[in-house]
Amino acid sequence: MFLDIAKKFKLPVIDLARTFNPHDSRDYGSTPIEPSNRSGLYIAEMARHIIRTFQFGKEDAKIYTGLVSDPDGDESNWRPLKVEVIDESFKDLEKYRTSLNKHMEDGRSKVKSACVIS
């Protein structure tokens, strides 16, 4: 699994599943799996943040989720940056699944517009 590889080589991981809001159509492009221009900015901002702050080869592997900054001032879609060290608690994926399910529930309750992902 990708988390095992990240841990082995001490790499940062950008978790788009817990960064994009699956219930907000503004986060997606022409299909539910393509990022929109807006979410492309999320990716670029996160990559820039990691390049500037992560100490490659020195720090343990980490998962980055959420937004580094609020690109359009829309607090209803704001999910602040969260950084988690990839440790043994990720081994059975239960911690990740729980976090992903919570993210999906939080997104559903905060956003008025939605896209259906089937």
Foldseek 3Di string as FASTA:
>chain_A
DVLVVCQVQQAEAEDVLLADAQFACQQADPDSVHGDPVVVVQVVQVVVVCVVPPDGPPHGYKYWHFGCDDPPPDVLNHDHIDIDGSDCVCVVPPVVVVSSVVSNVSSVVRDDGGDDDD
